[in-house]
Amino acid sequence: MPDRKRKPLIAGNWKMHNTIKESVDLVNAMKKDLGSPSCEVLVAPTFTSLAAVAQAAKGAPILVAAQDCCWEDKGAFTAAVSPTQIKDAGATHVIIGHSERRTIFLETDEVINRKVKAALKHSLVPVLCIGETLSEREANKTYRVLETQLEGGLKDLAAAQLSTLVIAYEPVWAIGTGKTATPEQAQDAHIFIRKKIARMYDAAFADTVRILYGGSVKADNIDTLMAQPDLDGALVGGASLKADGFLRIVNFQEVIAKA
């Protein structure tokens, strides 16, 4: 069983799913059977449902995140949502740099870095997503991609500013495809990320940073993934849209990793 130096975090990214009512119903269904989980639980609804979900989650061990944020506090930025508005809606976390933001909306490391800084400025916990595409993995560029995205996303930020930082490693080829990195592949990437953070800052700081795995995480693979010592949780997509399935992931079983 892994030595839990860091408290696990299981996050559900609902993406562009659920009406306000459906989102509230999902939270209420989770609350009914959640109990006192041994990990932190986070849900990320759409912006339209953010305030209602935050209200529904009050009094329960459920944290709430936005799926993105603007780097500005206010202004002429049509359709953008600022960190102050996210906080006002009741969220405490924000997902930044998700692969769909990078690949579909063409967000650069520079833009993502500005968003991380904006989140930290307003005391929101940034969940910084990084990960390689299939072509990059096949070209043996995985580690270079992770290095570039870490350096770009955390540019000009000191360790003292990043005490709440969460990293989510999400291989793009495993998101919504049904393909999942093997536990060993995930562990190798997480080790690399932690060592890179240690080189950027120091080993003591790197040892405190929670690194989540994202990519077709489901109830039937969460146990073996979480058996890896450097996996501190999961960023769950489709499997977080049903209360019973997501709760099984939240209540992952500690198993001994196979050598």
Protein backbone atom coordinates (compact mmCIF):
# COMPACT_ATOMS: atom_id res chain seq x y z
CA MET A 1 0.00 0.00 0.00
CA PRO A 2 1.39 3.43 -0.89
CA ASP A 3 2.85 5.64 1.80
CA ARG A 4 0.35 8.49 1.80
CA LYS A 5 2.52 11.55 2.33
CA ARG A 6 -0.14 13.69 0.68
CA LYS A 7 -3.90 13.56 1.19
CA PRO A 8 -5.53 12.19 -1.96
CA LEU A 9 -7.81 14.40 -4.04
CA ILE A 10 -10.48 12.94 -6.29
CA ALA A 11 -11.89 15.54 -8.69
CA GLY A 12 -14.85 15.23 -11.04
CA ASN A 13 -14.73 17.40 -14.14
CA TRP A 14 -18.26 17.56 -15.47
CA LYS A 15 -17.22 19.42 -18.63
CA MET A 16 -20.17 20.67 -20.73
CA HIS A 17 -22.75 18.41 -19.10
CA ASN A 18 -25.76 18.87 -16.85
CA THR A 19 -28.33 21.61 -16.39
CA ILE A 20 -28.47 23.46 -13.08
CA LYS A 21 -31.09 21.03 -11.77
CA GLU A 22 -29.13 18.00 -12.93
CA SER A 23 -25.98 19.36 -11.31
CA VAL A 24 -27.71 19.98 -7.98
CA ASP A 25 -29.37 16.55 -8.13
CA LEU A 26 -25.95 14.96 -8.67
CA VAL A 27 -24.46 16.75 -5.67
CA ASN A 28 -27.42 15.76 -3.52
CA ALA A 29 -27.09 12.15 -4.62
CA MET A 30 -23.39 12.22 -3.72
CA LYS A 31 -24.10 13.76 -0.31
CA LYS A 32 -26.56 10.99 0.48
CA ASP A 33 -23.92 8.25 0.44
CA LEU A 34 -20.62 10.11 0.72
CA GLY A 35 -20.14 9.80 4.47
CA SER A 36 -16.68 10.87 5.66
CA PRO A 37 -14.30 10.15 2.79
CA SER A 38 -10.60 9.59 3.44
CA CYS A 39 -9.74 11.87 0.52
CA GLU A 40 -10.73 15.36 -0.56
CA VAL A 41 -13.60 15.41 -3.05
CA LEU A 42 -13.88 18.10 -5.71
CA VAL A 43 -16.48 18.69 -8.42
CA ALA A 44 -16.22 21.08 -11.36
CA PRO A 45 -19.60 21.96 -12.88
CA THR A 46 -20.27 24.34 -15.75
CA PHE A 47 -20.22 28.06 -15.01
CA THR A 48 -24.03 28.21 -15.19
CA SER A 49 -24.29 25.64 -12.39
CA LEU A 50 -21.37 26.84 -10.28
CA ALA A 51 -23.25 28.91 -7.70
CA ALA A 52 -26.06 26.38 -7.33
CA VAL A 53 -23.61 23.50 -6.86
CA ALA A 54 -21.59 25.47 -4.32
CA GLN A 55 -24.77 26.17 -2.38
CA ALA A 56 -25.88 22.52 -2.56
CA ALA A 57 -22.45 21.34 -1.40
CA LYS A 58 -22.45 23.50 1.74
CA GLY A 59 -22.04 21.45 4.88
CA ALA A 60 -20.80 18.43 2.93
CA PRO A 61 -17.18 17.37 2.34
CA ILE A 62 -17.40 18.43 -1.30
CA LEU A 63 -15.20 21.17 -2.73
CA VAL A 64 -16.18 23.07 -5.85
CA ALA A 65 -14.05 24.16 -8.80
CA ALA A 66 -14.55 26.19 -11.93
CA GLN A 67 -13.40 24.56 -15.16
CA ASP A 68 -11.45 27.60 -16.32
CA CYS A 69 -10.91 31.28 -15.54
CA CYS A 70 -9.87 34.50 -17.19
CA TRP A 71 -6.58 36.15 -16.25
CA GLU A 72 -8.28 39.53 -15.72
CA ASP A 73 -10.46 40.64 -12.80
CA LYS A 74 -12.95 42.54 -14.97
CA GLY A 75 -13.28 44.33 -18.27
CA ALA A 76 -14.33 43.94 -21.90
CA PHE A 77 -13.73 40.19 -22.20
CA THR A 78 -16.97 38.84 -23.62
CA ALA A 79 -17.89 35.34 -22.38
CA ALA A 80 -14.92 35.17 -19.99
CA VAL A 81 -15.34 34.56 -16.25
CA SER A 82 -12.96 36.18 -13.78
CA PRO A 83 -11.43 34.70 -10.62
CA THR A 84 -13.42 37.17 -8.53
CA GLN A 85 -16.66 35.99 -10.10
CA ILE A 86 -15.66 32.38 -9.53
CA LYS A 87 -15.00 33.07 -5.85
CA ASP A 88 -18.25 35.01 -5.60
CA ALA A 89 -20.09 31.94 -6.93
CA GLY A 90 -18.64 29.89 -4.06
CA ALA A 91 -15.84 27.95 -5.73
CA THR A 92 -12.44 27.43 -4.10
CA HIS A 93 -10.55 25.75 -6.95
CA VAL A 94 -10.11 26.24 -10.68
CA ILE A 95 -8.94 23.84 -13.38
CA ILE A 96 -6.42 25.50 -15.68
CA GLY A 97 -4.87 24.28 -18.91
CA HIS A 98 -7.06 21.21 -19.41
CA SER A 99 -6.08 19.43 -22.62
CA GLU A 100 -9.38 20.42 -24.22
CA ARG A 101 -8.54 24.08 -23.53
CA ARG A 102 -5.11 23.53 -25.08
CA THR A 103 -6.12 21.48 -28.12
CA ILE A 104 -9.61 22.79 -28.96
CA PHE A 105 -9.33 26.40 -27.79
CA LEU A 106 -5.60 26.66 -28.59
CA GLU A 107 -4.52 28.01 -25.21
CA THR A 108 -0.78 28.52 -24.95
CA ASP A 109 1.50 28.04 -21.98
CA GLU A 110 1.72 31.84 -21.74
CA VAL A 111 -2.07 32.17 -21.41
CA ILE A 112 -2.19 29.30 -18.93
CA ASN A 113 0.57 30.92 -16.87
CA ARG A 114 -1.44 34.15 -16.68
CA LYS A 115 -4.47 32.20 -15.49
CA VAL A 116 -2.47 30.39 -12.80
CA LYS A 117 -1.20 33.74 -11.53
CA ALA A 118 -4.72 35.17 -11.55
CA ALA A 119 -6.07 32.22 -9.57
CA LEU A 120 -3.31 32.51 -6.98
CA LYS A 121 -3.85 36.27 -6.71
CA HIS A 122 -7.40 35.58 -5.58
CA SER A 123 -6.55 32.58 -3.37
CA LEU A 124 -8.12 30.03 -5.67
CA VAL A 125 -6.42 26.64 -5.76
CA PRO A 126 -5.06 26.08 -9.27
CA VAL A 127 -5.31 22.59 -10.72
CA LEU A 128 -2.76 22.85 -13.53
CA CYS A 129 -3.24 20.23 -16.23
CA ILE A 130 -0.37 18.95 -18.35
CA GLY A 131 -0.03 16.02 -20.73
CA GLU A 132 1.12 14.75 -24.09
CA THR A 133 -0.77 13.78 -27.25
CA LEU A 134 -0.55 10.32 -28.80
CA SER A 135 1.80 11.53 -31.53
CA GLU A 136 4.06 13.11 -28.93
CA ARG A 137 4.17 9.90 -26.90
CA GLU A 138 4.87 7.81 -29.98
CA ALA A 139 7.70 10.21 -30.89
CA ASN A 140 9.18 9.76 -27.39
CA LYS A 141 8.51 13.41 -26.57
CA THR A 142 6.39 12.84 -23.44
CA TYR A 143 8.93 14.11 -20.95
CA ARG A 144 9.89 17.09 -23.06
CA VAL A 145 6.23 18.09 -23.37
CA LEU A 146 5.68 17.77 -19.62
CA GLU A 147 8.83 19.78 -18.93
CA THR A 148 7.81 22.56 -21.32
CA GLN A 149 4.28 22.77 -19.96
CA LEU A 150 5.47 22.85 -16.35
CA GLU A 151 8.05 25.53 -17.05
CA GLY A 152 5.56 27.59 -19.04
CA GLY A 153 2.64 27.20 -16.67
CA LEU A 154 4.68 28.05 -13.57
CA LYS A 155 6.89 30.73 -15.08
CA ASP A 156 7.94 33.50 -12.66
CA LEU A 157 6.21 31.85 -9.71
CA ALA A 158 8.08 31.05 -6.50
CA ALA A 159 7.47 28.01 -4.34
CA ALA A 160 6.08 30.25 -1.60
CA GLN A 161 3.30 31.30 -3.98
CA LEU A 162 2.46 27.72 -4.91
CA SER A 163 1.67 26.15 -1.54
CA THR A 164 -1.78 25.08 -2.76
CA LEU A 165 -0.75 23.98 -6.26
CA VAL A 166 -2.24 20.79 -7.67
CA ILE A 167 -0.89 19.22 -10.86
CA ALA A 168 -3.03 16.94 -13.03
CA TYR A 169 -1.21 14.68 -15.47
CA GLU A 170 -3.61 13.83 -18.25
CA PRO A 171 -2.23 12.08 -21.33
CA VAL A 172 -4.39 13.51 -24.10
CA TRP A 173 -4.59 10.13 -25.86
CA ALA A 174 -6.35 8.65 -22.81
CA ILE A 175 -9.04 11.29 -22.31
CA GLY A 176 -12.51 10.12 -23.28
CA THR A 177 -11.05 7.38 -25.48
CA GLY A 178 -11.46 4.48 -23.10
CA LYS A 179 -7.69 4.03 -23.19
CA THR A 180 -5.91 4.45 -19.88
CA ALA A 181 -2.24 4.76 -19.18
CA THR A 182 -1.07 1.66 -17.36
CA PRO A 183 -0.42 2.21 -13.66
CA GLU A 184 3.29 1.92 -14.46
CA GLN A 185 3.10 4.52 -17.25
CA ALA A 186 1.22 6.88 -14.95
CA GLN A 187 3.69 6.34 -12.12
CA ASP A 188 6.67 6.97 -14.42
CA ALA A 189 5.16 10.26 -15.61
CA HIS A 190 4.34 11.32 -12.04
CA ILE A 191 7.89 10.57 -10.91
CA PHE A 192 9.23 12.68 -13.76
CA ILE A 193 6.89 15.55 -12.89
CA ARG A 194 7.86 15.46 -9.22
CA LYS A 195 11.56 15.41 -10.08
CA LYS A 196 11.10 18.29 -12.50
CA ILE A 197 9.34 20.34 -9.81
CA ALA A 198 12.23 19.53 -7.47
CA ARG A 199 14.69 20.85 -10.06
CA MET A 200 12.61 23.99 -10.58
CA TYR A 201 12.22 24.60 -6.84
CA ASP A 202 13.49 22.04 -4.34
CA ALA A 203 12.83 18.48 -3.23
CA ALA A 204 10.99 19.46 -0.06
CA PHE A 205 8.48 21.53 -2.01
CA ALA A 206 8.08 18.88 -4.71
CA ASP A 207 7.26 16.34 -2.02
CA THR A 208 4.24 18.40 -0.96
CA VAL A 209 2.67 18.88 -4.40
CA ARG A 210 -0.27 16.63 -5.16
CA ILE A 211 -0.18 15.15 -8.65
CA LEU A 212 -3.43 13.68 -9.98
CA TYR A 213 -3.88 11.30 -12.89
CA GLY A 214 -6.56 12.01 -15.48
CA GLY A 215 -7.49 9.89 -18.48
CA SER A 216 -10.43 7.47 -18.61
CA VAL A 217 -10.37 6.90 -14.84
CA LYS A 218 -13.18 4.55 -13.87
CA ALA A 219 -14.39 2.49 -10.95
CA ASP A 220 -12.70 -0.61 -12.36
CA ASN A 221 -9.21 0.89 -12.66
CA ILE A 222 -8.99 3.38 -9.80
CA ASP A 223 -7.64 0.85 -7.27
CA THR A 224 -4.62 -0.16 -9.35
CA LEU A 225 -3.91 3.44 -10.34
CA MET A 226 -4.02 4.64 -6.74
CA ALA A 227 -1.70 1.83 -5.69
CA GLN A 228 1.11 3.81 -7.30
CA PRO A 229 2.96 5.88 -4.66
CA ASP A 230 3.21 9.08 -6.69
CA LEU A 231 -0.45 9.17 -7.74
CA ASP A 232 -2.17 11.49 -5.28
CA GLY A 233 -5.63 11.27 -6.76
CA ALA A 234 -7.54 11.47 -10.00
CA LEU A 235 -9.15 13.97 -12.34
CA VAL A 236 -12.24 12.08 -13.49
CA GLY A 237 -14.32 12.93 -16.55
CA GLY A 238 -17.34 10.93 -17.70
CA ALA A 239 -17.26 8.57 -14.72
CA SER A 240 -17.96 11.52 -12.41
CA LEU A 241 -21.39 12.15 -13.93
CA LYS A 242 -23.08 9.29 -12.07
CA ALA A 243 -23.09 9.45 -8.28
CA ASP A 244 -22.64 5.75 -7.60
CA GLY A 245 -19.73 5.33 -10.01
CA PHE A 246 -17.98 8.45 -8.82
CA LEU A 247 -18.42 7.49 -5.18
CA ARG A 248 -16.77 4.15 -5.90
CA ILE A 249 -13.80 6.09 -7.26
CA VAL A 250 -13.80 8.37 -4.22
CA ASN A 251 -13.81 5.27 -2.02
CA PHE A 252 -10.94 3.61 -3.86
CA GLN A 253 -9.49 0.56 -2.19
CA GLU A 254 -5.89 0.65 -1.02
CA VAL A 255 -4.08 -2.23 -2.70
CA ILE A 256 -0.43 -3.20 -2.83
CA ALA A 257 1.20 -2.27 -6.12
CA LYS A 258 2.60 -5.24 -8.03
CA ALA A 259 6.35 -5.17 -8.54
